[in-house]
Amino acid sequence: MWSDLQEFKADFFKALAHPLRIRILELLAVGDKSVNEIQSVLNSEGSNVSQQLSVLRAKNIVVGTKDGKRVIYSLRDPSIIKLLEVAKEIFDNHLINTISMYKELDKK
């Protein structure tokens, strides 16, 4: 039987499993933003950004705070920034390994 922690992790990573959601989180890691600001930076349609923000809100990854007519989004937990940094490190490590493999193939 799966524990609650494994279920949480699986749901959490499912919520992150979209490139636009990751990009939104990277933007929010720099600072809070409105939907319009996110759309402008990403050059993406409003409905698409809103849909992805909805998924992130539903999983309590981001929070929206009303500011007059605008909603300002922020990361619910700053540890998300660390997670994004670790994911980049893993990507870099894979890239370094791939480059090393190609160099070895070139020597043959």
PDB file of N, CA and C in Angstrom:
ATOM      1  N   MET A   1       0.843  -1.197   0.000  1.00  0.00           N
ATOM      2  CA  MET A   1       0.000   0.000   0.000  1.00  0.00           C
ATOM      3  C   MET A   1       0.880   1.249   0.000  1.00  0.00           C
ATOM      4  N   TRP A   2       0.482   2.221  -0.787  1.00  0.00           N
ATOM      5  CA  TRP A   2       1.250   3.463  -0.858  1.00  0.00           C
ATOM      6  C   TRP A   2       0.989   4.320   0.376  1.00  0.00           C
ATOM      7  N   SER A   3       2.033   4.970   0.842  1.00  0.00           N
ATOM      8  CA  SER A   3       1.856   5.867   1.981  1.00  0.00           C
ATOM      9  C   SER A   3       1.339   7.217   1.500  1.00  0.00           C
ATOM     10  N   ASP A   4       0.862   8.002   2.424  1.00  0.00           N
ATOM     11  CA  ASP A   4       0.370   9.341   2.093  1.00  0.00           C
ATOM     12  C   ASP A   4       1.476  10.199   1.477  1.00  0.00           C
ATOM     13  N   LEU A   5       2.701  10.005   1.944  1.00  0.00           N
ATOM     14  CA  LEU A   5       3.816  10.789   1.414  1.00  0.00           C
ATOM     15  C   LEU A   5       4.061  10.477  -0.060  1.00  0.00           C
ATOM     16  N   GLN A   6       4.056   9.196  -0.423  1.00  0.00           N
ATOM     17  CA  GLN A   6       4.262   8.845  -1.832  1.00  0.00           C
ATOM     18  C   GLN A   6       3.121   9.359  -2.699  1.00  0.00           C
ATOM     19  N   GLU A   7       1.906   9.296  -2.199  1.00  0.00           N
ATOM     20  CA  GLU A   7       0.749   9.828  -2.937  1.00  0.00           C
ATOM     21  C   GLU A   7       0.899  11.335  -3.137  1.00  0.00           C
ATOM     22  N   PHE A   8       1.308  12.036  -2.078  1.00  0.00           N
ATOM     23  CA  PHE A   8       1.512  13.477  -2.185  1.00  0.00           C
ATOM     24  C   PHE A   8       2.567  13.796  -3.234  1.00  0.00           C
ATOM     25  N   LYS A   9       3.689  13.074  -3.168  1.00  0.00           N
ATOM     26  CA  LYS A   9       4.778  13.319  -4.124  1.00  0.00           C
ATOM     27  C   LYS A   9       4.320  13.065  -5.553  1.00  0.00           C
ATOM     28  N   ALA A  10       3.602  11.983  -5.778  1.00  0.00           N
ATOM     29  CA  ALA A  10       3.125  11.668  -7.122  1.00  0.00           C
ATOM     30  C   ALA A  10       2.193  12.760  -7.636  1.00  0.00           C
ATOM     31  N   ASP A  11       1.249  13.197  -6.812  1.00  0.00           N
ATOM     32  CA  ASP A  11       0.326  14.269  -7.219  1.00  0.00           C
ATOM     33  C   ASP A  11       1.075  15.576  -7.454  1.00  0.00           C
ATOM     34  N   PHE A  12       2.034  15.848  -6.592  1.00  0.00           N
ATOM     35  CA  PHE A  12       2.824  17.074  -6.707  1.00  0.00           C
ATOM     36  C   PHE A  12       3.583  17.103  -8.033  1.00  0.00           C
ATOM     37  N   PHE A  13       4.264  16.003  -8.355  1.00  0.00           N
ATOM     38  CA  PHE A  13       5.032  15.974  -9.602  1.00  0.00           C
ATOM     39  C   PHE A  13       4.126  15.958 -10.828  1.00  0.00           C
ATOM     40  N   LYS A  14       2.944  15.375 -10.716  1.00  0.00           N
ATOM     41  CA  LYS A  14       1.978  15.455 -11.824  1.00  0.00           C
ATOM     42  C   LYS A  14       1.607  16.903 -12.092  1.00  0.00           C
ATOM     43  N   ALA A  15       1.435  17.675 -11.023  1.00  0.00           N
ATOM     44  CA  ALA A  15       1.071  19.093 -11.177  1.00  0.00           C
ATOM     45  C   ALA A  15       2.195  19.886 -11.855  1.00  0.00           C
ATOM     46  N   LEU A  16       3.420  19.432 -11.715  1.00  0.00           N
ATOM     47  CA  LEU A  16       4.559  20.116 -12.327  1.00  0.00           C
ATOM     48  C   LEU A  16       4.830  19.642 -13.748  1.00  0.00           C
ATOM     49  N   ALA A  17       4.134  18.617 -14.172  1.00  0.00           N
ATOM     50  CA  ALA A  17       4.452  17.923 -15.428  1.00  0.00           C
ATOM     51  C   ALA A  17       3.923  18.636 -16.665  1.00  0.00           C
ATOM     52  N   HIS A  18       4.232  19.916 -16.787  1.00  0.00           N
ATOM     53  CA  HIS A  18       3.867  20.672 -17.983  1.00  0.00           C
ATOM     54  C   HIS A  18       4.882  21.810 -18.122  1.00  0.00           C
ATOM     55  N   PRO A  19       5.472  21.976 -19.301  1.00  0.00           N
ATOM     56  CA  PRO A  19       6.507  23.014 -19.469  1.00  0.00           C
ATOM     57  C   PRO A  19       6.029  24.426 -19.130  1.00  0.00           C
ATOM     58  N   LEU A  20       4.780  24.753 -19.453  1.00  0.00           N
ATOM     59  CA  LEU A  20       4.290  26.100 -19.149  1.00  0.00           C
ATOM     60  C   LEU A  20       4.147  26.295 -17.642  1.00  0.00           C
ATOM     61  N   ARG A  21       3.735  25.264 -16.934  1.00  0.00           N
ATOM     62  CA  ARG A  21       3.640  25.375 -15.474  1.00  0.00           C
ATOM     63  C   ARG A  21       5.021  25.596 -14.861  1.00  0.00           C
ATOM     64  N   ILE A  22       6.006  24.884 -15.375  1.00  0.00           N
ATOM     65  CA  ILE A  22       7.375  25.066 -14.875  1.00  0.00           C
ATOM     66  C   ILE A  22       7.837  26.495 -15.139  1.00  0.00           C
ATOM     67  N   ARG A  23       7.564  26.994 -16.336  1.00  0.00           N
ATOM     68  CA  ARG A  23       7.975  28.366 -16.684  1.00  0.00           C
ATOM     69  C   ARG A  23       7.285  29.382 -15.776  1.00  0.00           C
ATOM     70  N   ILE A  24       6.002  29.154 -15.475  1.00  0.00           N
ATOM     71  CA  ILE A  24       5.279  30.049 -14.558  1.00  0.00           C
ATOM     72  C   ILE A  24       5.952  30.034 -13.184  1.00  0.00           C
ATOM     73  N   LEU A  25       6.307  28.860 -12.702  1.00  0.00           N
ATOM     74  CA  LEU A  25       6.971  28.756 -11.402  1.00  0.00           C
ATOM     75  C   LEU A  25       8.323  29.465 -11.416  1.00  0.00           C
ATOM     76  N   GLU A  26       9.053  29.352 -12.532  1.00  0.00           N
ATOM     77  CA  GLU A  26      10.342  30.049 -12.642  1.00  0.00           C
ATOM     78  C   GLU A  26      10.140  31.559 -12.577  1.00  0.00           C
ATOM     79  N   LEU A  27       9.085  32.059 -13.203  1.00  0.00           N
ATOM     80  CA  LEU A  27       8.788  33.494 -13.127  1.00  0.00           C
ATOM     81  C   LEU A  27       8.431  33.916 -11.712  1.00  0.00           C
ATOM     82  N   LEU A  28       7.600  33.111 -11.058  1.00  0.00           N
ATOM     83  CA  LEU A  28       7.182  33.448  -9.700  1.00  0.00           C
ATOM     84  C   LEU A  28       8.330  33.302  -8.699  1.00  0.00           C
ATOM     85  N   ALA A  29       9.335  32.519  -9.039  1.00  0.00           N
ATOM     86  CA  ALA A  29      10.507  32.394  -8.169  1.00  0.00           C
ATOM     87  C   ALA A  29      11.255  33.718  -8.095  1.00  0.00           C
ATOM     88  N   VAL A  30      11.131  34.516  -9.153  1.00  0.00           N
ATOM     89  CA  VAL A  30      11.783  35.826  -9.191  1.00  0.00           C
ATOM     90  C   VAL A  30      10.962  36.855  -8.425  1.00  0.00           C
ATOM     91  N   GLY A  31       9.643  36.681  -8.411  1.00  0.00           N
ATOM     92  CA  GLY A  31       8.771  37.614  -7.695  1.00  0.00           C
ATOM     93  C   GLY A  31       7.319  37.412  -8.073  1.00  0.00           C
ATOM     94  N   ASP A  32       6.434  37.929  -7.236  1.00  0.00           N
ATOM     95  CA  ASP A  32       5.005  37.800  -7.463  1.00  0.00           C
ATOM     96  C   ASP A  32       4.601  38.516  -8.744  1.00  0.00           C
ATOM     97  N   LYS A  33       3.591  37.957  -9.426  1.00  0.00           N
ATOM     98  CA  LYS A  33       3.159  38.532 -10.707  1.00  0.00           C
ATOM     99  C   LYS A  33       1.658  38.360 -10.878  1.00  0.00           C
ATOM    100  N   SER A  34       1.071  39.288 -11.635  1.00  0.00           N
ATOM    101  CA  SER A  34      -0.330  39.170 -12.008  1.00  0.00           C
ATOM    102  C   SER A  34      -0.439  38.265 -13.232  1.00  0.00           C
ATOM    103  N   VAL A  35      -1.657  37.858 -13.541  1.00  0.00           N
ATOM    104  CA  VAL A  35      -1.882  37.028 -14.727  1.00  0.00           C
ATOM    105  C   VAL A  35      -1.399  37.773 -15.970  1.00  0.00           C
ATOM    106  N   ASN A  36      -1.724  39.054 -16.069  1.00  0.00           N
ATOM    107  CA  ASN A  36      -1.302  39.840 -17.240  1.00  0.00           C
ATOM    108  C   ASN A  36       0.209  39.904 -17.368  1.00  0.00           C
ATOM    109  N   GLU A  37       0.905  40.063 -16.247  1.00  0.00           N
ATOM    110  CA  GLU A  37       2.369  40.087 -16.290  1.00  0.00           C
ATOM    111  C   GLU A  37       2.924  38.744 -16.757  1.00  0.00           C
ATOM    112  N   ILE A  38       2.357  37.660 -16.256  1.00  0.00           N
ATOM    113  CA  ILE A  38       2.802  36.317 -16.654  1.00  0.00           C
ATOM    114  C   ILE A  38       2.563  36.115 -18.145  1.00  0.00           C
ATOM    115  N   GLN A  39       1.373  36.482 -18.611  1.00  0.00           N
ATOM    116  CA  GLN A  39       1.040  36.345 -20.032  1.00  0.00           C
ATOM    117  C   GLN A  39       2.007  37.143 -20.895  1.00  0.00           C
ATOM    118  N   SER A  40       2.297  38.355 -20.468  1.00  0.00           N
ATOM    119  CA  SER A  40       3.173  39.230 -21.239  1.00  0.00           C
ATOM    120  C   SER A  40       4.586  38.655 -21.346  1.00  0.00           C
ATOM    121  N   VAL A  41       5.138  38.213 -20.235  1.00  0.00           N
ATOM    122  CA  VAL A  41       6.497  37.671 -20.235  1.00  0.00           C
ATOM    123  C   VAL A  41       6.574  36.391 -21.062  1.00  0.00           C
ATOM    124  N   LEU A  42       5.549  35.543 -20.925  1.00  0.00           N
ATOM    125  CA  LEU A  42       5.556  34.258 -21.621  1.00  0.00           C
ATOM    126  C   LEU A  42       5.041  34.354 -23.042  1.00  0.00           C
ATOM    127  N   ASN A  43       4.466  35.509 -23.380  1.00  0.00           N
ATOM    128  CA  ASN A  43       3.868  35.692 -24.702  1.00  0.00           C
ATOM    129  C   ASN A  43       2.899  34.546 -25.001  1.00  0.00           C
ATOM    130  N   SER A  44       2.027  34.282 -24.029  1.00  0.00           N
ATOM    131  CA  SER A  44       1.098  33.160 -24.115  1.00  0.00           C
ATOM    132  C   SER A  44      -0.331  33.664 -23.946  1.00  0.00           C
ATOM    133  N   GLU A  45      -1.275  32.912 -24.505  1.00  0.00           N
ATOM    134  CA  GLU A  45      -2.683  33.278 -24.404  1.00  0.00           C
ATOM    135  C   GLU A  45      -3.145  33.252 -22.953  1.00  0.00           C
ATOM    136  N   GLY A  46      -4.078  34.154 -22.649  1.00  0.00           N
ATOM    137  CA  GLY A  46      -4.604  34.258 -21.299  1.00  0.00           C
ATOM    138  C   GLY A  46      -5.275  32.996 -20.819  1.00  0.00           C
ATOM    139  N   SER A  47      -6.049  32.354 -21.687  1.00  0.00           N
ATOM    140  CA  SER A  47      -6.758  31.144 -21.264  1.00  0.00           C
ATOM    141  C   SER A  47      -5.781  30.027 -20.927  1.00  0.00           C
ATOM    142  N   ASN A  48      -4.698  29.930 -21.677  1.00  0.00           N
ATOM    143  CA  ASN A  48      -3.702  28.892 -21.426  1.00  0.00           C
ATOM    144  C   ASN A  48      -3.000  29.131 -20.085  1.00  0.00           C
ATOM    145  N   VAL A  49      -2.588  30.366 -19.844  1.00  0.00           N
ATOM    146  CA  VAL A  49      -1.924  30.702 -18.580  1.00  0.00           C
ATOM    147  C   VAL A  49      -2.881  30.484 -17.415  1.00  0.00           C
ATOM    148  N   SER A  50      -4.123  30.942 -17.566  1.00  0.00           N
ATOM    149  CA  SER A  50      -5.111  30.776 -16.495  1.00  0.00           C
ATOM    150  C   SER A  50      -5.368  29.310 -16.193  1.00  0.00           C
ATOM    151  N   GLN A  51      -5.429  28.493 -17.228  1.00  0.00           N
ATOM    152  CA  GLN A  51      -5.653  27.060 -17.046  1.00  0.00           C
ATOM    153  C   GLN A  51      -4.509  26.436 -16.249  1.00  0.00           C
ATOM    154  N   GLN A  52      -3.276  26.805 -16.586  1.00  0.00           N
ATOM    155  CA  GLN A  52      -2.114  26.234 -15.891  1.00  0.00           C
ATOM    156  C   GLN A  52      -2.035  26.750 -14.454  1.00  0.00           C
ATOM    157  N   LEU A  53      -2.380  28.025 -14.247  1.00  0.00           N
ATOM    158  CA  LEU A  53      -2.405  28.569 -12.890  1.00  0.00           C
ATOM    159  C   LEU A  53      -3.463  27.857 -12.049  1.00  0.00           C
ATOM    160  N   SER A  54      -4.556  27.506 -12.667  1.00  0.00           N
ATOM    161  CA  SER A  54      -5.628  26.793 -11.973  1.00  0.00           C
ATOM    162  C   SER A  54      -5.136  25.439 -11.453  1.00  0.00           C
ATOM    163  N   VAL A  55      -4.376  24.730 -12.273  1.00  0.00           N
ATOM    164  CA  VAL A  55      -3.806  23.443 -11.843  1.00  0.00           C
ATOM    165  C   VAL A  55      -2.862  23.657 -10.673  1.00  0.00           C
ATOM    166  N   LEU A  56      -2.003  24.665 -10.772  1.00  0.00           N
ATOM    167  CA  LEU A  56      -1.037  24.943  -9.707  1.00  0.00           C
ATOM    168  C   LEU A  56      -1.733  25.384  -8.423  1.00  0.00           C
ATOM    169  N   ARG A  57      -2.807  26.148  -8.553  1.00  0.00           N
ATOM    170  CA  ARG A  57      -3.590  26.564  -7.373  1.00  0.00           C
ATOM    171  C   ARG A  57      -4.272  25.364  -6.723  1.00  0.00           C
ATOM    172  N   ALA A  58      -4.845  24.495  -7.548  1.00  0.00           N
ATOM    173  CA  ALA A  58      -5.564  23.327  -7.025  1.00  0.00           C
ATOM    174  C   ALA A  58      -4.649  22.422  -6.202  1.00  0.00           C
ATOM    175  N   LYS A  59      -3.380  22.390  -6.533  1.00  0.00           N
ATOM    176  CA  LYS A  59      -2.410  21.563  -5.807  1.00  0.00           C
ATOM    177  C   LYS A  59      -1.659  22.369  -4.741  1.00  0.00           C
ATOM    178  N   ASN A  60      -2.136  23.584  -4.468  1.00  0.00           N
ATOM    179  CA  ASN A  60      -1.539  24.451  -3.435  1.00  0.00           C
ATOM    180  C   ASN A  60      -0.066  24.752  -3.682  1.00  0.00           C
ATOM    181  N   ILE A  61       0.301  24.865  -4.949  1.00  0.00           N
ATOM    182  CA  ILE A  61       1.683  25.184  -5.297  1.00  0.00           C
ATOM    183  C   ILE A  61       1.845  26.695  -5.426  1.00  0.00           C
ATOM    184  N   VAL A  62       0.801  27.360  -5.909  1.00  0.00           N
ATOM    185  CA  VAL A  62       0.777  28.825  -5.962  1.00  0.00           C
ATOM    186  C   VAL A  62      -0.474  29.314  -5.244  1.00  0.00           C
ATOM    187  N   VAL A  63      -0.421  30.569  -4.837  1.00  0.00           N
ATOM    188  CA  VAL A  63      -1.594  31.206  -4.229  1.00  0.00           C
ATOM    189  C   VAL A  63      -1.870  32.504  -4.977  1.00  0.00           C
ATOM    190  N   GLY A  64      -3.133  32.839  -5.072  1.00  0.00           N
ATOM    191  CA  GLY A  64      -3.547  34.088  -5.693  1.00  0.00           C
ATOM    192  C   GLY A  64      -4.151  34.994  -4.643  1.00  0.00           C
ATOM    193  N   THR A  65      -3.718  36.257  -4.659  1.00  0.00           N
ATOM    194  CA  THR A  65      -4.218  37.250  -3.711  1.00  0.00           C
ATOM    195  C   THR A  65      -4.840  38.386  -4.487  1.00  0.00           C
ATOM    196  N   LYS A  66      -6.057  38.757  -4.126  1.00  0.00           N
ATOM    197  CA  LYS A  66      -6.748  39.853  -4.806  1.00  0.00           C
ATOM    198  C   LYS A  66      -6.075  41.178  -4.480  1.00  0.00           C
ATOM    199  N   ASP A  67      -5.868  41.981  -5.525  1.00  0.00           N
ATOM    200  CA  ASP A  67      -5.331  43.330  -5.388  1.00  0.00           C
ATOM    201  C   ASP A  67      -6.196  44.216  -6.277  1.00  0.00           C
ATOM    202  N   GLY A  68      -7.302  44.671  -5.734  1.00  0.00           N
ATOM    203  CA  GLY A  68      -8.267  45.401  -6.552  1.00  0.00           C
ATOM    204  C   GLY A  68      -8.911  44.440  -7.527  1.00  0.00           C
ATOM    205  N   LYS A  69      -8.794  44.734  -8.819  1.00  0.00           N
ATOM    206  CA  LYS A  69      -9.350  43.856  -9.847  1.00  0.00           C
ATOM    207  C   LYS A  69      -8.366  42.772 -10.273  1.00  0.00           C
ATOM    208  N   ARG A  70      -7.115  42.924  -9.871  1.00  0.00           N
ATOM    209  CA  ARG A  70      -6.080  41.957 -10.268  1.00  0.00           C
ATOM    210  C   ARG A  70      -5.914  40.864  -9.227  1.00  0.00           C
ATOM    211  N   VAL A  71      -5.400  39.744  -9.689  1.00  0.00           N
ATOM    212  CA  VAL A  71      -4.990  38.666  -8.790  1.00  0.00           C
ATOM    213  C   VAL A  71      -3.480  38.544  -8.944  1.00  0.00           C
ATOM    214  N   ILE A  72      -2.788  38.626  -7.833  1.00  0.00           N
ATOM    215  CA  ILE A  72      -1.332  38.512  -7.814  1.00  0.00           C
ATOM    216  C   ILE A  72      -0.977  37.104  -7.345  1.00  0.00           C
ATOM    217  N   TYR A  73      -0.165  36.430  -8.148  1.00  0.00           N
ATOM    218  CA  TYR A  73       0.220  35.052  -7.831  1.00  0.00           C
ATOM    219  C   TYR A  73       1.608  35.010  -7.216  1.00  0.00           C
ATOM    220  N   SER A  74       1.768  34.075  -6.297  1.00  0.00           N
ATOM    221  CA  SER A  74       3.070  33.864  -5.659  1.00  0.00           C
ATOM    222  C   SER A  74       3.212  32.374  -5.350  1.00  0.00           C
ATOM    223  N   LEU A  75       4.446  31.984  -5.105  1.00  0.00           N
ATOM    224  CA  LEU A  75       4.715  30.600  -4.703  1.00  0.00           C
ATOM    225  C   LEU A  75       4.220  30.400  -3.284  1.00  0.00           C
ATOM    226  N   ARG A  76       3.537  29.313  -3.056  1.00  0.00           N
ATOM    227  CA  ARG A  76       3.041  29.021  -1.710  1.00  0.00           C
ATOM    228  C   ARG A  76       4.193  28.655  -0.785  1.00  0.00           C
ATOM    229  N   ASP A  77       5.175  27.950  -1.318  1.00  0.00           N
ATOM    230  CA  ASP A  77       6.302  27.487  -0.514  1.00  0.00           C
ATOM    231  C   ASP A  77       7.594  27.838  -1.241  1.00  0.00           C
ATOM    232  N   PRO A  78       8.462  28.634  -0.626  1.00  0.00           N
ATOM    233  CA  PRO A  78       9.713  29.022  -1.292  1.00  0.00           C
ATOM    234  C   PRO A  78      10.640  27.841  -1.593  1.00  0.00           C
ATOM    235  N   SER A  79      10.380  26.684  -1.017  1.00  0.00           N
ATOM    236  CA  SER A  79      11.195  25.502  -1.322  1.00  0.00           C
ATOM    237  C   SER A  79      11.063  25.089  -2.779  1.00  0.00           C
ATOM    238  N   ILE A  80      10.019  25.561  -3.451  1.00  0.00           N
ATOM    239  CA  ILE A  80       9.848  25.288  -4.885  1.00  0.00           C
ATOM    240  C   ILE A  80      11.069  25.812  -5.648  1.00  0.00           C
ATOM    241  N   ILE A  81      11.612  26.939  -5.208  1.00  0.00           N
ATOM    242  CA  ILE A  81      12.788  27.520  -5.867  1.00  0.00           C
ATOM    243  C   ILE A  81      13.954  26.527  -5.797  1.00  0.00           C
ATOM    244  N   LYS A  82      14.156  25.920  -4.630  1.00  0.00           N
ATOM    245  CA  LYS A  82      15.225  24.924  -4.473  1.00  0.00           C
ATOM    246  C   LYS A  82      14.987  23.732  -5.394  1.00  0.00           C
ATOM    247  N   LEU A  83      13.730  23.293  -5.484  1.00  0.00           N
ATOM    248  CA  LEU A  83      13.393  22.162  -6.344  1.00  0.00           C
ATOM    249  C   LEU A  83      13.727  22.469  -7.801  1.00  0.00           C
ATOM    250  N   LEU A  84      13.399  23.666  -8.258  1.00  0.00           N
ATOM    251  CA  LEU A  84      13.712  24.068  -9.636  1.00  0.00           C
ATOM    252  C   LEU A  84      15.219  24.111  -9.864  1.00  0.00           C
ATOM    253  N   GLU A  85      15.958  24.577  -8.859  1.00  0.00           N
ATOM    254  CA  GLU A  85      17.421  24.621  -8.969  1.00  0.00           C
ATOM    255  C   GLU A  85      18.002  23.206  -9.044  1.00  0.00           C
ATOM    256  N   VAL A  86      17.479  22.300  -8.230  1.00  0.00           N
ATOM    257  CA  VAL A  86      17.951  20.909  -8.258  1.00  0.00           C
ATOM    258  C   VAL A  86      17.625  20.274  -9.601  1.00  0.00           C
ATOM    259  N   ALA A  87      16.443  20.545 -10.144  1.00  0.00           N
ATOM    260  CA  ALA A  87      16.077  20.004 -11.458  1.00  0.00           C
ATOM    261  C   ALA A  87      17.046  20.505 -12.525  1.00  0.00           C
ATOM    262  N   LYS A  88      17.468  21.768 -12.427  1.00  0.00           N
ATOM    263  CA  LYS A  88      18.440  22.305 -13.386  1.00  0.00           C
ATOM    264  C   LYS A  88      19.789  21.611 -13.223  1.00  0.00           C
ATOM    265  N   GLU A  89      20.196  21.356 -11.987  1.00  0.00           N
ATOM    266  CA  GLU A  89      21.448  20.632 -11.747  1.00  0.00           C
ATOM    267  C   GLU A  89      21.396  19.236 -12.370  1.00  0.00           C
ATOM    268  N   ILE A  90      20.279  18.550 -12.208  1.00  0.00           N
ATOM    269  CA  ILE A  90      20.126  17.212 -12.783  1.00  0.00           C
ATOM    270  C   ILE A  90      20.198  17.296 -14.306  1.00  0.00           C
ATOM    271  N   PHE A  91      19.528  18.288 -14.882  1.00  0.00           N
ATOM    272  CA  PHE A  91      19.593  18.502 -16.333  1.00  0.00           C
ATOM    273  C   PHE A  91      21.030  18.724 -16.779  1.00  0.00           C
ATOM    274  N   ASP A  92      21.740  19.615 -16.070  1.00  0.00           N
ATOM    275  CA  ASP A  92      23.139  19.899 -16.412  1.00  0.00           C
ATOM    276  C   ASP A  92      23.998  18.640 -16.331  1.00  0.00           C
ATOM    277  N   ASN A  93      23.774  17.827 -15.295  1.00  0.00           N
ATOM    278  CA  ASN A  93      24.535  16.586 -15.148  1.00  0.00           C
ATOM    279  C   ASN A  93      24.266  15.626 -16.306  1.00  0.00           C
ATOM    280  N   HIS A  94      23.026  15.527 -16.713  1.00  0.00           N
ATOM    281  CA  HIS A  94      22.683  14.674 -17.857  1.00  0.00           C
ATOM    282  C   HIS A  94      23.332  15.198 -19.131  1.00  0.00           C
ATOM    283  N   LEU A  95      23.319  16.513 -19.278  1.00  0.00           N
ATOM    284  CA  LEU A  95      23.925  17.133 -20.451  1.00  0.00           C
ATOM    285  C   LEU A  95      25.429  16.875 -20.478  1.00  0.00           C
ATOM    286  N   ILE A  96      26.084  17.023 -19.338  1.00  0.00           N
ATOM    287  CA  ILE A  96      27.526  16.771 -19.251  1.00  0.00           C
ATOM    288  C   ILE A  96      27.823  15.312 -19.594  1.00  0.00           C
ATOM    289  N   ASN A  97      27.010  14.397 -19.065  1.00  0.00           N
ATOM    290  CA  ASN A  97      27.216  12.976 -19.369  1.00  0.00           C
ATOM    291  C   ASN A  97      27.022  12.689 -20.845  1.00  0.00           C
ATOM    292  N   THR A  98      26.026  13.295 -21.453  1.00  0.00           N
ATOM    293  CA  THR A  98      25.768  13.094 -22.879  1.00  0.00           C
ATOM    294  C   THR A  98      26.919  13.632 -23.718  1.00  0.00           C
ATOM    295  N   ILE A  99      27.412  14.794 -23.385  1.00  0.00           N
ATOM    296  CA  ILE A  99      28.545  15.380 -24.108  1.00  0.00           C
ATOM    297  C   ILE A  99      29.771  14.486 -23.972  1.00  0.00           C
ATOM    298  N   SER A 100      30.001  13.974 -22.774  1.00  0.00           N
ATOM    299  CA  SER A 100      31.138  13.074 -22.554  1.00  0.00           C
ATOM    300  C   SER A 100      31.012  11.808 -23.396  1.00  0.00           C
ATOM    301  N   MET A 101      29.801  11.270 -23.487  1.00  0.00           N
ATOM    302  CA  MET A 101      29.592  10.072 -24.296  1.00  0.00           C
ATOM    303  C   MET A 101      29.880  10.357 -25.770  1.00  0.00           C
ATOM    304  N   TYR A 102      29.446  11.497 -26.287  1.00  0.00           N
ATOM    305  CA  TYR A 102      29.702  11.855 -27.668  1.00  0.00           C
ATOM    306  C   TYR A 102      31.197  12.030 -27.917  1.00  0.00           C
ATOM    307  N   LYS A 103      31.891  12.627 -26.975  1.00  0.00           N
ATOM    308  CA  LYS A 103      33.329  12.795 -27.124  1.00  0.00           C
ATOM    309  C   LYS A 103      34.032  11.443 -27.185  1.00  0.00           C
ATOM    310  N   GLU A 104      33.581  10.497 -26.370  1.00  0.00           N
ATOM    311  CA  GLU A 104      34.155   9.157 -26.388  1.00  0.00           C
ATOM    312  C   GLU A 104      33.887   8.474 -27.747  1.00  0.00           C
ATOM    313  N   LEU A 105      32.692   8.677 -28.285  1.00  0.00           N
ATOM    314  CA  LEU A 105      32.373   8.091 -29.585  1.00  0.00           C
ATOM    315  C   LEU A 105      33.221   8.695 -30.704  1.00  0.00           C
ATOM    316  N   ASP A 106      33.505   9.981 -30.595  1.00  0.00           N
ATOM    317  CA  ASP A 106      34.341  10.642 -31.600  1.00  0.00           C
ATOM    318  C   ASP A 106      35.771  10.109 -31.609  1.00  0.00           C
ATOM    319  N   LYS A 107      36.256   9.660 -30.454  1.00  0.00           N
ATOM    320  CA  LYS A 107      37.612   9.136 -30.369  1.00  0.00           C
ATOM    321  C   LYS A 107      37.753   7.787 -31.053  1.00  0.00           C
ATOM    322  N   LYS A 108      36.643   7.084 -31.227  1.00  0.00           N
ATOM    323  CA  LYS A 108      36.699   5.731 -31.795  1.00  0.00           C
ATOM    324  C   LYS A 108      36.729   5.749 -33.287  1.00  0.00           C
TER     325      LYS A 108
END
